[in-house]
mmCIF file of all heavy atoms, coordinates in Angstrom:
data_MODEL
# 
_entry.id   MODEL 
# 
loop_
_atom_site.group_PDB 
_atom_site.id 
_atom_site.type_symbol 
_atom_site.label_atom_id 
_atom_site.label_alt_id 
_atom_site.label_comp_id 
_atom_site.label_asym_id 
_atom_site.label_entity_id 
_atom_site.label_seq_id 
_atom_site.pdbx_PDB_ins_code 
_atom_site.Cartn_x 
_atom_site.Cartn_y 
_atom_site.Cartn_z 
_atom_site.occupancy 
_atom_site.B_iso_or_equiv 
_atom_site.pdbx_formal_charge 
_atom_site.auth_seq_id 
_atom_site.auth_comp_id 
_atom_site.auth_asym_id 
_atom_site.auth_atom_id 
_atom_site.pdbx_PDB_model_num 
ATOM 1   N N   . GLY A 1 1  ? -13.850 -21.455 -70.250 1.00 0.00 ? 1  GLY A N   1 
ATOM 2   C CA  . GLY A 1 1  ? -13.113 -20.250 -69.868 1.00 0.00 ? 1  GLY A CA  1 
ATOM 3   C C   . GLY A 1 1  ? -13.886 -19.271 -69.008 1.00 0.00 ? 1  GLY A C   1 
ATOM 4   O O   . GLY A 1 1  ? -13.358 -18.223 -68.642 1.00 0.00 ? 1  GLY A O   1 
ATOM 5   N N   . LYS A 1 2  ? -15.133 -19.588 -68.679 1.00 0.00 ? 2  LYS A N   1 
ATOM 6   C CA  . LYS A 1 2  ? -15.953 -18.692 -67.855 1.00 0.00 ? 2  LYS A CA  1 
ATOM 7   C C   . LYS A 1 2  ? -16.148 -19.279 -66.466 1.00 0.00 ? 2  LYS A C   1 
ATOM 8   O O   . LYS A 1 2  ? -16.342 -20.494 -66.316 1.00 0.00 ? 2  LYS A O   1 
ATOM 9   C CB  . LYS A 1 2  ? -17.314 -18.455 -68.507 1.00 0.00 ? 2  LYS A CB  1 
ATOM 10  C CG  . LYS A 1 2  ? -17.244 -17.617 -69.768 1.00 0.00 ? 2  LYS A CG  1 
ATOM 11  C CD  . LYS A 1 2  ? -18.618 -17.397 -70.354 1.00 0.00 ? 2  LYS A CD  1 
ATOM 12  C CE  . LYS A 1 2  ? -18.565 -16.365 -71.472 1.00 0.00 ? 2  LYS A CE  1 
ATOM 13  N NZ  . LYS A 1 2  ? -17.556 -16.636 -72.477 1.00 0.00 ? 2  LYS A NZ  1 
ATOM 14  N N   . ASP A 1 3  ? -16.112 -18.398 -65.437 1.00 0.00 ? 3  ASP A N   1 
ATOM 15  C CA  . ASP A 1 3  ? -16.373 -18.835 -64.064 1.00 0.00 ? 3  ASP A CA  1 
ATOM 16  C C   . ASP A 1 3  ? -17.881 -18.942 -63.877 1.00 0.00 ? 3  ASP A C   1 
ATOM 17  O O   . ASP A 1 3  ? -18.593 -17.938 -63.932 1.00 0.00 ? 3  ASP A O   1 
ATOM 18  C CB  . ASP A 1 3  ? -15.780 -17.832 -63.072 1.00 0.00 ? 3  ASP A CB  1 
ATOM 19  C CG  . ASP A 1 3  ? -16.031 -18.247 -61.624 1.00 0.00 ? 3  ASP A CG  1 
ATOM 20  O OD1 . ASP A 1 3  ? -15.934 -19.445 -61.335 1.00 0.00 ? 3  ASP A OD1 1 
ATOM 21  O OD2 . ASP A 1 3  ? -16.350 -17.369 -60.791 1.00 0.00 ? 3  ASP A OD2 1 
ATOM 22  N N   . VAL A 1 4  ? -18.366 -20.135 -63.673 1.00 0.00 ? 4  VAL A N   1 
ATOM 23  C CA  . VAL A 1 4  ? -19.805 -20.386 -63.515 1.00 0.00 ? 4  VAL A CA  1 
ATOM 24  C C   . VAL A 1 4  ? -20.053 -20.921 -62.107 1.00 0.00 ? 4  VAL A C   1 
ATOM 25  O O   . VAL A 1 4  ? -19.386 -21.863 -61.667 1.00 0.00 ? 4  VAL A O   1 
ATOM 26  C CB  . VAL A 1 4  ? -20.304 -21.400 -64.568 1.00 0.00 ? 4  VAL A CB  1 
ATOM 27  C CG1 . VAL A 1 4  ? -21.765 -21.765 -64.322 1.00 0.00 ? 4  VAL A CG1 1 
ATOM 28  C CG2 . VAL A 1 4  ? -20.132 -20.820 -65.964 1.00 0.00 ? 4  VAL A CG2 1 
ATOM 29  N N   . VAL A 1 5  ? -20.993 -20.285 -61.410 1.00 0.00 ? 5  VAL A N   1 
ATOM 30  C CA  . VAL A 1 5  ? -21.315 -20.685 -60.034 1.00 0.00 ? 5  VAL A CA  1 
ATOM 31  C C   . VAL A 1 5  ? -22.615 -21.479 -60.033 1.00 0.00 ? 5  VAL A C   1 
ATOM 32  O O   . VAL A 1 5  ? -23.600 -21.098 -60.674 1.00 0.00 ? 5  VAL A O   1 
ATOM 33  C CB  . VAL A 1 5  ? -21.457 -19.455 -59.111 1.00 0.00 ? 5  VAL A CB  1 
ATOM 34  C CG1 . VAL A 1 5  ? -21.740 -19.889 -57.680 1.00 0.00 ? 5  VAL A CG1 1 
ATOM 35  C CG2 . VAL A 1 5  ? -20.199 -18.599 -59.167 1.00 0.00 ? 5  VAL A CG2 1 
ATOM 36  N N   . THR A 1 6  ? -22.609 -22.592 -59.308 1.00 0.00 ? 6  THR A N   1 
ATOM 37  C CA  . THR A 1 6  ? -23.803 -23.428 -59.156 1.00 0.00 ? 6  THR A CA  1 
ATOM 38  C C   . THR A 1 6  ? -24.047 -23.660 -57.666 1.00 0.00 ? 6  THR A C   1 
ATOM 39  O O   . THR A 1 6  ? -23.117 -23.976 -56.925 1.00 0.00 ? 6  THR A O   1 
ATOM 40  C CB  . THR A 1 6  ? -23.613 -24.798 -59.850 1.00 0.00 ? 6  THR A CB  1 
ATOM 41  O OG1 . THR A 1 6  ? -23.172 -24.585 -61.193 1.00 0.00 ? 6  THR A OG1 1 
ATOM 42  C CG2 . THR A 1 6  ? -24.898 -25.592 -59.847 1.00 0.00 ? 6  THR A CG2 1 
ATOM 43  N N   . VAL A 1 7  ? -25.287 -23.464 -57.228 1.00 0.00 ? 7  VAL A N   1 
ATOM 44  C CA  . VAL A 1 7  ? -25.650 -23.737 -55.839 1.00 0.00 ? 7  VAL A CA  1 
ATOM 45  C C   . VAL A 1 7  ? -26.281 -25.123 -55.782 1.00 0.00 ? 7  VAL A C   1 
ATOM 46  O O   . VAL A 1 7  ? -27.314 -25.373 -56.398 1.00 0.00 ? 7  VAL A O   1 
ATOM 47  C CB  . VAL A 1 7  ? -26.640 -22.684 -55.293 1.00 0.00 ? 7  VAL A CB  1 
ATOM 48  C CG1 . VAL A 1 7  ? -27.065 -23.044 -53.879 1.00 0.00 ? 7  VAL A CG1 1 
ATOM 49  C CG2 . VAL A 1 7  ? -26.010 -21.297 -55.313 1.00 0.00 ? 7  VAL A CG2 1 
ATOM 50  N N   . VAL A 1 8  ? -25.627 -26.014 -55.057 1.00 0.00 ? 8  VAL A N   1 
ATOM 51  C CA  . VAL A 1 8  ? -26.075 -27.407 -54.987 1.00 0.00 ? 8  VAL A CA  1 
ATOM 52  C C   . VAL A 1 8  ? -26.452 -27.743 -53.548 1.00 0.00 ? 8  VAL A C   1 
ATOM 53  O O   . VAL A 1 8  ? -25.656 -27.545 -52.629 1.00 0.00 ? 8  VAL A O   1 
ATOM 54  C CB  . VAL A 1 8  ? -24.959 -28.364 -55.462 1.00 0.00 ? 8  VAL A CB  1 
ATOM 55  C CG1 . VAL A 1 8  ? -25.466 -29.799 -55.503 1.00 0.00 ? 8  VAL A CG1 1 
ATOM 56  C CG2 . VAL A 1 8  ? -24.426 -27.946 -56.819 1.00 0.00 ? 8  VAL A CG2 1 
ATOM 57  N N   . SER A 1 9  ? -27.661 -28.238 -53.349 1.00 0.00 ? 9  SER A N   1 
ATOM 58  C CA  . SER A 1 9  ? -28.100 -28.651 -52.016 1.00 0.00 ? 9  SER A CA  1 
ATOM 59  C C   . SER A 1 9  ? -27.354 -29.912 -51.608 1.00 0.00 ? 9  SER A C   1 
ATOM 60  O O   . SER A 1 9  ? -27.268 -30.880 -52.369 1.00 0.00 ? 9  SER A O   1 
ATOM 61  C CB  . SER A 1 9  ? -29.613 -28.910 -52.005 1.00 0.00 ? 9  SER A CB  1 
ATOM 62  O OG  . SER A 1 9  ? -30.006 -29.498 -50.782 1.00 0.00 ? 9  SER A OG  1 
ATOM 63  N N   . THR A 1 10 ? -26.808 -29.940 -50.394 1.00 0.00 ? 10 THR A N   1 
ATOM 64  C CA  . THR A 1 10 ? -26.050 -31.106 -49.925 1.00 0.00 ? 10 THR A CA  1 
ATOM 65  C C   . THR A 1 10 ? -26.957 -32.323 -49.733 1.00 0.00 ? 10 THR A C   1 
ATOM 66  O O   . THR A 1 10 ? -26.497 -33.457 -49.804 1.00 0.00 ? 10 THR A O   1 
ATOM 67  C CB  . THR A 1 10 ? -25.338 -30.792 -48.600 1.00 0.00 ? 10 THR A CB  1 
ATOM 68  O OG1 . THR A 1 10 ? -26.289 -30.271 -47.665 1.00 0.00 ? 10 THR A OG1 1 
ATOM 69  C CG2 . THR A 1 10 ? -24.236 -29.775 -48.793 1.00 0.00 ? 10 THR A CG2 1 
ATOM 70  N N   . VAL A 1 11 ? -28.243 -32.086 -49.504 1.00 0.00 ? 11 VAL A N   1 
ATOM 71  C CA  . VAL A 1 11 ? -29.199 -33.186 -49.306 1.00 0.00 ? 11 VAL A CA  1 
ATOM 72  C C   . VAL A 1 11 ? -29.304 -34.051 -50.556 1.00 0.00 ? 11 VAL A C   1 
ATOM 73  O O   . VAL A 1 11 ? -29.480 -35.273 -50.484 1.00 0.00 ? 11 VAL A O   1 
ATOM 74  C CB  . VAL A 1 11 ? -30.596 -32.632 -48.930 1.00 0.00 ? 11 VAL A CB  1 
ATOM 75  C CG1 . VAL A 1 11 ? -31.618 -33.763 -48.808 1.00 0.00 ? 11 VAL A CG1 1 
ATOM 76  C CG2 . VAL A 1 11 ? -30.526 -31.849 -47.632 1.00 0.00 ? 11 VAL A CG2 1 
ATOM 77  N N   . ASP A 1 12 ? -29.185 -33.404 -51.732 1.00 0.00 ? 12 ASP A N   1 
ATOM 78  C CA  . ASP A 1 12 ? -29.369 -34.117 -52.997 1.00 0.00 ? 12 ASP A CA  1 
ATOM 79  C C   . ASP A 1 12 ? -28.089 -34.774 -53.516 1.00 0.00 ? 12 ASP A C   1 
ATOM 80  O O   . ASP A 1 12 ? -28.102 -35.412 -54.567 1.00 0.00 ? 12 ASP A O   1 
ATOM 81  C CB  . ASP A 1 12 ? -29.900 -33.151 -54.069 1.00 0.00 ? 12 ASP A CB  1 
ATOM 82  C CG  . ASP A 1 12 ? -31.212 -32.507 -53.651 1.00 0.00 ? 12 ASP A CG  1 
ATOM 83  O OD1 . ASP A 1 12 ? -31.987 -33.165 -52.934 1.00 0.00 ? 12 ASP A OD1 1 
ATOM 84  O OD2 . ASP A 1 12 ? -31.461 -31.339 -54.042 1.00 0.00 ? 12 ASP A OD2 1 
ATOM 85  N N   . LEU A 1 13 ? -26.996 -34.608 -52.780 1.00 0.00 ? 13 LEU A N   1 
ATOM 86  C CA  . LEU A 1 13 ? -25.714 -35.109 -53.274 1.00 0.00 ? 13 LEU A CA  1 
ATOM 87  C C   . LEU A 1 13 ? -25.421 -36.519 -52.771 1.00 0.00 ? 13 LEU A C   1 
ATOM 88  O O   . LEU A 1 13 ? -25.826 -36.892 -51.658 1.00 0.00 ? 13 LEU A O   1 
ATOM 89  C CB  . LEU A 1 13 ? -24.579 -34.189 -52.808 1.00 0.00 ? 13 LEU A CB  1 
ATOM 90  C CG  . LEU A 1 13 ? -24.475 -32.818 -53.483 1.00 0.00 ? 13 LEU A CG  1 
ATOM 91  C CD1 . LEU A 1 13 ? -23.411 -31.990 -52.787 1.00 0.00 ? 13 LEU A CD1 1 
ATOM 92  C CD2 . LEU A 1 13 ? -24.145 -32.960 -54.954 1.00 0.00 ? 13 LEU A CD2 1 
ATOM 93  N N   . PRO A 1 14 ? -24.695 -37.314 -53.569 1.00 0.00 ? 14 PRO A N   1 
ATOM 94  C CA  . PRO A 1 14 ? -24.215 -38.601 -53.043 1.00 0.00 ? 14 PRO A CA  1 
ATOM 95  C C   . PRO A 1 14 ? -23.220 -38.364 -51.914 1.00 0.00 ? 14 PRO A C   1 
ATOM 96  O O   . PRO A 1 14 ? -22.619 -37.295 -51.810 1.00 0.00 ? 14 PRO A O   1 
ATOM 97  C CB  . PRO A 1 14 ? -23.541 -39.244 -54.267 1.00 0.00 ? 14 PRO A CB  1 
ATOM 98  C CG  . PRO A 1 14 ? -23.260 -38.117 -55.210 1.00 0.00 ? 14 PRO A CG  1 
ATOM 99  C CD  . PRO A 1 14 ? -24.320 -37.089 -54.959 1.00 0.00 ? 14 PRO A CD  1 
ATOM 100 N N   . GLU A 1 15 ? -23.026 -39.341 -51.084 1.00 0.00 ? 15 GLU A N   1 
ATOM 101 C CA  . GLU A 1 15 ? -22.200 -39.216 -49.877 1.00 0.00 ? 15 GLU A CA  1 
ATOM 102 C C   . GLU A 1 15 ? -20.799 -38.677 -50.173 1.00 0.00 ? 15 GLU A C   1 
ATOM 103 O O   . GLU A 1 15 ? -20.276 -37.840 -49.444 1.00 0.00 ? 15 GLU A O   1 
ATOM 104 C CB  . GLU A 1 15 ? -22.093 -40.586 -49.191 1.00 0.00 ? 15 GLU A CB  1 
ATOM 105 C CG  . GLU A 1 15 ? -21.447 -40.532 -47.812 1.00 0.00 ? 15 GLU A CG  1 
ATOM 106 C CD  . GLU A 1 15 ? -22.255 -39.734 -46.798 1.00 0.00 ? 15 GLU A CD  1 
ATOM 107 O OE1 . GLU A 1 15 ? -23.498 -39.798 -46.829 1.00 0.00 ? 15 GLU A OE1 1 
ATOM 108 O OE2 . GLU A 1 15 ? -21.624 -39.024 -45.985 1.00 0.00 ? 15 GLU A OE2 1 
ATOM 109 N N   . LYS A 1 16 ? -20.198 -39.124 -51.260 1.00 0.00 ? 16 LYS A N   1 
ATOM 110 C CA  . LYS A 1 16 ? -18.804 -38.735 -51.548 1.00 0.00 ? 16 LYS A CA  1 
ATOM 111 C C   . LYS A 1 16 ? -18.653 -37.236 -51.831 1.00 0.00 ? 16 LYS A C   1 
ATOM 112 O O   . LYS A 1 16 ? -17.561 -36.681 -51.719 1.00 0.00 ? 16 LYS A O   1 
ATOM 113 C CB  . LYS A 1 16 ? -18.258 -39.544 -52.727 1.00 0.00 ? 16 LYS A CB  1 
ATOM 114 C CG  . LYS A 1 16 ? -18.898 -39.225 -54.074 1.00 0.00 ? 16 LYS A CG  1 
ATOM 115 C CD  . LYS A 1 16 ? -18.152 -39.927 -55.197 1.00 0.00 ? 16 LYS A CD  1 
ATOM 116 C CE  . LYS A 1 16 ? -18.716 -39.515 -56.553 1.00 0.00 ? 16 LYS A CE  1 
ATOM 117 N NZ  . LYS A 1 16 ? -17.935 -40.080 -57.671 1.00 0.00 ? 16 LYS A NZ  1 
ATOM 118 N N   . HIS A 1 17 ? -19.760 -36.578 -52.221 1.00 0.00 ? 17 HIS A N   1 
ATOM 119 C CA  . HIS A 1 17 ? -19.679 -35.156 -52.558 1.00 0.00 ? 17 HIS A CA  1 
ATOM 120 C C   . HIS A 1 17 ? -20.215 -34.244 -51.454 1.00 0.00 ? 17 HIS A C   1 
ATOM 121 O O   . HIS A 1 17 ? -20.183 -33.026 -51.601 1.00 0.00 ? 17 HIS A O   1 
ATOM 122 C CB  . HIS A 1 17 ? -20.443 -34.885 -53.859 1.00 0.00 ? 17 HIS A CB  1 
ATOM 123 C CG  . HIS A 1 17 ? -19.691 -35.275 -55.088 1.00 0.00 ? 17 HIS A CG  1 
ATOM 124 N ND1 . HIS A 1 17 ? -20.301 -35.821 -56.189 1.00 0.00 ? 17 HIS A ND1 1 
ATOM 125 C CD2 . HIS A 1 17 ? -18.360 -35.210 -55.380 1.00 0.00 ? 17 HIS A CD2 1 
ATOM 126 C CE1 . HIS A 1 17 ? -19.379 -36.083 -57.121 1.00 0.00 ? 17 HIS A CE1 1 
ATOM 127 N NE2 . HIS A 1 17 ? -18.203 -35.712 -56.646 1.00 0.00 ? 17 HIS A NE2 1 
ATOM 128 N N   . ARG A 1 18 ? -20.707 -34.792 -50.374 1.00 0.00 ? 18 ARG A N   1 
ATOM 129 C CA  . ARG A 1 18 ? -21.326 -33.945 -49.344 1.00 0.00 ? 18 ARG A CA  1 
ATOM 130 C C   . ARG A 1 18 ? -20.315 -33.082 -48.593 1.00 0.00 ? 18 ARG A C   1 
ATOM 131 O O   . ARG A 1 18 ? -20.679 -32.119 -47.944 1.00 0.00 ? 18 ARG A O   1 
ATOM 132 C CB  . ARG A 1 18 ? -22.126 -34.808 -48.361 1.00 0.00 ? 18 ARG A CB  1 
ATOM 133 C CG  . ARG A 1 18 ? -23.407 -35.315 -49.006 1.00 0.00 ? 18 ARG A CG  1 
ATOM 134 C CD  . ARG A 1 18 ? -24.315 -36.029 -48.065 1.00 0.00 ? 18 ARG A CD  1 
ATOM 135 N NE  . ARG A 1 18 ? -25.479 -36.548 -48.768 1.00 0.00 ? 18 ARG A NE  1 
ATOM 136 C CZ  . ARG A 1 18 ? -26.403 -37.310 -48.226 1.00 0.00 ? 18 ARG A CZ  1 
ATOM 137 N NH1 . ARG A 1 18 ? -26.297 -37.663 -46.954 1.00 0.00 ? 18 ARG A NH1 1 
ATOM 138 N NH2 . ARG A 1 18 ? -27.431 -37.743 -48.943 1.00 0.00 ? 18 ARG A NH2 1 
ATOM 139 N N   . GLN A 1 19 ? -19.047 -33.453 -48.666 1.00 0.00 ? 19 GLN A N   1 
ATOM 140 C CA  . GLN A 1 19 ? -18.001 -32.636 -48.048 1.00 0.00 ? 19 GLN A CA  1 
ATOM 141 C C   . GLN A 1 19 ? -17.348 -31.690 -49.058 1.00 0.00 ? 19 GLN A C   1 
ATOM 142 O O   . GLN A 1 19 ? -16.488 -30.890 -48.702 1.00 0.00 ? 19 GLN A O   1 
ATOM 143 C CB  . GLN A 1 19 ? -16.927 -33.542 -47.422 1.00 0.00 ? 19 GLN A CB  1 
ATOM 144 C CG  . GLN A 1 19 ? -17.446 -34.461 -46.334 1.00 0.00 ? 19 GLN A CG  1 
ATOM 145 C CD  . GLN A 1 19 ? -18.127 -33.699 -45.218 1.00 0.00 ? 19 GLN A CD  1 
ATOM 146 O OE1 . GLN A 1 19 ? -17.627 -32.677 -44.744 1.00 0.00 ? 19 GLN A OE1 1 
ATOM 147 N NE2 . GLN A 1 19 ? -19.286 -34.192 -44.785 1.00 0.00 ? 19 GLN A NE2 1 
ATOM 148 N N   . GLY A 1 20 ? -17.790 -31.781 -50.307 1.00 0.00 ? 20 GLY A N   1 
ATOM 149 C CA  . GLY A 1 20 ? -17.223 -30.911 -51.331 1.00 0.00 ? 20 GLY A CA  1 
ATOM 150 C C   . GLY A 1 20 ? -16.807 -31.687 -52.564 1.00 0.00 ? 20 GLY A C   1 
ATOM 151 O O   . GLY A 1 20 ? -16.992 -32.905 -52.654 1.00 0.00 ? 20 GLY A O   1 
ATOM 152 N N   . PHE A 1 21 ? -16.251 -30.946 -53.524 1.00 0.00 ? 21 PHE A N   1 
ATOM 153 C CA  . PHE A 1 21 ? -15.809 -31.545 -54.785 1.00 0.00 ? 21 PHE A CA  1 
ATOM 154 C C   . PHE A 1 21 ? -14.306 -31.374 -54.933 1.00 0.00 ? 21 PHE A C   1 
ATOM 155 O O   . PHE A 1 21 ? -13.703 -30.473 -54.337 1.00 0.00 ? 21 PHE A O   1 
ATOM 156 C CB  . PHE A 1 21 ? -16.521 -30.872 -55.970 1.00 0.00 ? 21 PHE A CB  1 
ATOM 157 C CG  . PHE A 1 21 ? -17.970 -31.248 -56.107 1.00 0.00 ? 21 PHE A CG  1 
ATOM 158 C CD1 . PHE A 1 21 ? -18.917 -30.781 -55.209 1.00 0.00 ? 21 PHE A CD1 1 
ATOM 159 C CD2 . PHE A 1 21 ? -18.386 -32.078 -57.144 1.00 0.00 ? 21 PHE A CD2 1 
ATOM 160 C CE1 . PHE A 1 21 ? -20.247 -31.128 -55.338 1.00 0.00 ? 21 PHE A CE1 1 
ATOM 161 C CE2 . PHE A 1 21 ? -19.716 -32.425 -57.278 1.00 0.00 ? 21 PHE A CE2 1 
ATOM 162 C CZ  . PHE A 1 21 ? -20.663 -31.949 -56.371 1.00 0.00 ? 21 PHE A CZ  1 
ATOM 163 N N   . THR A 1 22 ? -13.703 -32.213 -55.744 1.00 0.00 ? 22 THR A N   1 
ATOM 164 C CA  . THR A 1 22 ? -12.259 -32.180 -55.949 1.00 0.00 ? 22 THR A CA  1 
ATOM 165 C C   . THR A 1 22 ? -11.899 -31.184 -57.040 1.00 0.00 ? 22 THR A C   1 
ATOM 166 O O   . THR A 1 22 ? -12.595 -31.081 -58.062 1.00 0.00 ? 22 THR A O   1 
ATOM 167 C CB  . THR A 1 22 ? -11.747 -33.582 -56.363 1.00 0.00 ? 22 THR A CB  1 
ATOM 168 O OG1 . THR A 1 22 ? -12.208 -34.541 -55.422 1.00 0.00 ? 22 THR A OG1 1 
ATOM 169 C CG2 . THR A 1 22 ? -10.230 -33.608 -56.427 1.00 0.00 ? 22 THR A CG2 1 
ATOM 170 N N   . TYR A 1 23 ? -10.809 -30.453 -56.831 1.00 0.00 ? 23 TYR A N   1 
ATOM 171 C CA  . TYR A 1 23 ? -10.329 -29.510 -57.849 1.00 0.00 ? 23 TYR A CA  1 
ATOM 172 C C   . TYR A 1 23 ? -10.045 -30.260 -59.145 1.00 0.00 ? 23 TYR A C   1 
ATOM 173 O O   . TYR A 1 23 ? -9.400  -31.315 -59.155 1.00 0.00 ? 23 TYR A O   1 
ATOM 174 C CB  . TYR A 1 23 ? -9.054  -28.813 -57.357 1.00 0.00 ? 23 TYR A CB  1 
ATOM 175 C CG  . TYR A 1 23 ? -8.386  -27.954 -58.412 1.00 0.00 ? 23 TYR A CG  1 
ATOM 176 C CD1 . TYR A 1 23 ? -8.889  -26.699 -58.731 1.00 0.00 ? 23 TYR A CD1 1 
ATOM 177 C CD2 . TYR A 1 23 ? -7.270  -28.424 -59.117 1.00 0.00 ? 23 TYR A CD2 1 
ATOM 178 C CE1 . TYR A 1 23 ? -8.294  -25.926 -59.712 1.00 0.00 ? 23 TYR A CE1 1 
ATOM 179 C CE2 . TYR A 1 23 ? -6.668  -27.656 -60.095 1.00 0.00 ? 23 TYR A CE2 1 
ATOM 180 C CZ  . TYR A 1 23 ? -7.187  -26.400 -60.392 1.00 0.00 ? 23 TYR A CZ  1 
ATOM 181 O OH  . TYR A 1 23 ? -6.602  -25.646 -61.365 1.00 0.00 ? 23 TYR A OH  1 
ATOM 182 N N   . GLY A 1 24 ? -10.547 -29.714 -60.259 1.00 0.00 ? 24 GLY A N   1 
ATOM 183 C CA  . GLY A 1 24 ? -10.309 -30.316 -61.566 1.00 0.00 ? 24 GLY A CA  1 
ATOM 184 C C   . GLY A 1 24 ? -11.315 -31.383 -61.948 1.00 0.00 ? 24 GLY A C   1 
ATOM 185 O O   . GLY A 1 24 ? -11.294 -31.892 -63.073 1.00 0.00 ? 24 GLY A O   1 
ATOM 186 N N   . GLU A 1 25 ? -12.228 -31.726 -61.041 1.00 0.00 ? 25 GLU A N   1 
ATOM 187 C CA  . GLU A 1 25 ? -13.242 -32.745 -61.326 1.00 0.00 ? 25 GLU A CA  1 
ATOM 188 C C   . GLU A 1 25 ? -14.194 -32.254 -62.423 1.00 0.00 ? 25 GLU A C   1 
ATOM 189 O O   . GLU A 1 25 ? -14.622 -31.099 -62.417 1.00 0.00 ? 25 GLU A O   1 
ATOM 190 C CB  . GLU A 1 25 ? -14.023 -33.042 -60.039 1.00 0.00 ? 25 GLU A CB  1 
ATOM 191 C CG  . GLU A 1 25 ? -15.023 -34.177 -60.167 1.00 0.00 ? 25 GLU A CG  1 
ATOM 192 C CD  . GLU A 1 25 ? -15.697 -34.489 -58.829 1.00 0.00 ? 25 GLU A CD  1 
ATOM 193 O OE1 . GLU A 1 25 ? -15.203 -34.023 -57.781 1.00 0.00 ? 25 GLU A OE1 1 
ATOM 194 O OE2 . GLU A 1 25 ? -16.709 -35.203 -58.849 1.00 0.00 ? 25 GLU A OE2 1 
ATOM 195 N N   . THR A 1 26 ? -14.529 -33.124 -63.349 1.00 0.00 ? 26 THR A N   1 
ATOM 196 C CA  . THR A 1 26 ? -15.444 -32.782 -64.440 1.00 0.00 ? 26 THR A CA  1 
ATOM 197 C C   . THR A 1 26 ? -16.891 -32.923 -63.975 1.00 0.00 ? 26 THR A C   1 
ATOM 198 O O   . THR A 1 26 ? -17.261 -33.928 -63.369 1.00 0.00 ? 26 THR A O   1 
ATOM 199 C CB  . THR A 1 26 ? -15.206 -33.689 -65.661 1.00 0.00 ? 26 THR A CB  1 
ATOM 200 O OG1 . THR A 1 26 ? -13.853 -33.517 -66.113 1.00 0.00 ? 26 THR A OG1 1 
ATOM 201 C CG2 . THR A 1 26 ? -16.155 -33.329 -66.804 1.00 0.00 ? 26 THR A CG2 1 
ATOM 202 N N   . ILE A 1 27 ? -17.692 -31.893 -64.240 1.00 0.00 ? 27 ILE A N   1 
ATOM 203 C CA  . ILE A 1 27 ? -19.121 -31.933 -63.883 1.00 0.00 ? 27 ILE A CA  1 
ATOM 204 C C   . ILE A 1 27 ? -19.958 -31.524 -65.091 1.00 0.00 ? 27 ILE A C   1 
ATOM 205 O O   . ILE A 1 27 ? -19.481 -30.837 -65.995 1.00 0.00 ? 27 ILE A O   1 
ATOM 206 C CB  . ILE A 1 27 ? -19.448 -31.002 -62.691 1.00 0.00 ? 27 ILE A CB  1 
ATOM 207 C CG1 . ILE A 1 27 ? -19.029 -29.566 -62.988 1.00 0.00 ? 27 ILE A CG1 1 
ATOM 208 C CG2 . ILE A 1 27 ? -18.806 -31.504 -61.411 1.00 0.00 ? 27 ILE A CG2 1 
ATOM 209 C CD1 . ILE A 1 27 ? -19.483 -28.555 -61.942 1.00 0.00 ? 27 ILE A CD1 1 
ATOM 210 N N   . LYS A 1 28 ? -21.195 -31.965 -65.094 1.00 0.00 ? 28 LYS A N   1 
ATOM 211 C CA  . LYS A 1 28 ? -22.137 -31.592 -66.155 1.00 0.00 ? 28 LYS A CA  1 
ATOM 212 C C   . LYS A 1 28 ? -23.285 -30.809 -65.537 1.00 0.00 ? 28 LYS A C   1 
ATOM 213 O O   . LYS A 1 28 ? -23.837 -31.221 -64.514 1.00 0.00 ? 28 LYS A O   1 
ATOM 214 C CB  . LYS A 1 28 ? -22.646 -32.842 -66.878 1.00 0.00 ? 28 LYS A CB  1 
ATOM 215 C CG  . LYS A 1 28 ? -21.534 -33.550 -67.645 1.00 0.00 ? 28 LYS A CG  1 
ATOM 216 C CD  . LYS A 1 28 ? -22.046 -34.727 -68.445 1.00 0.00 ? 28 LYS A CD  1 
ATOM 217 C CE  . LYS A 1 28 ? -20.898 -35.346 -69.251 1.00 0.00 ? 28 LYS A CE  1 
ATOM 218 N NZ  . LYS A 1 28 ? -21.344 -36.498 -70.066 1.00 0.00 ? 28 LYS A NZ  1 
# 
């Protein structure tokens, strides 16, 4: 229920996430 902001470097991301993440996607 809390809005949590995370800054993620695009260099460290797999290719599928380098353009962004999908609404509703579960992350840890």
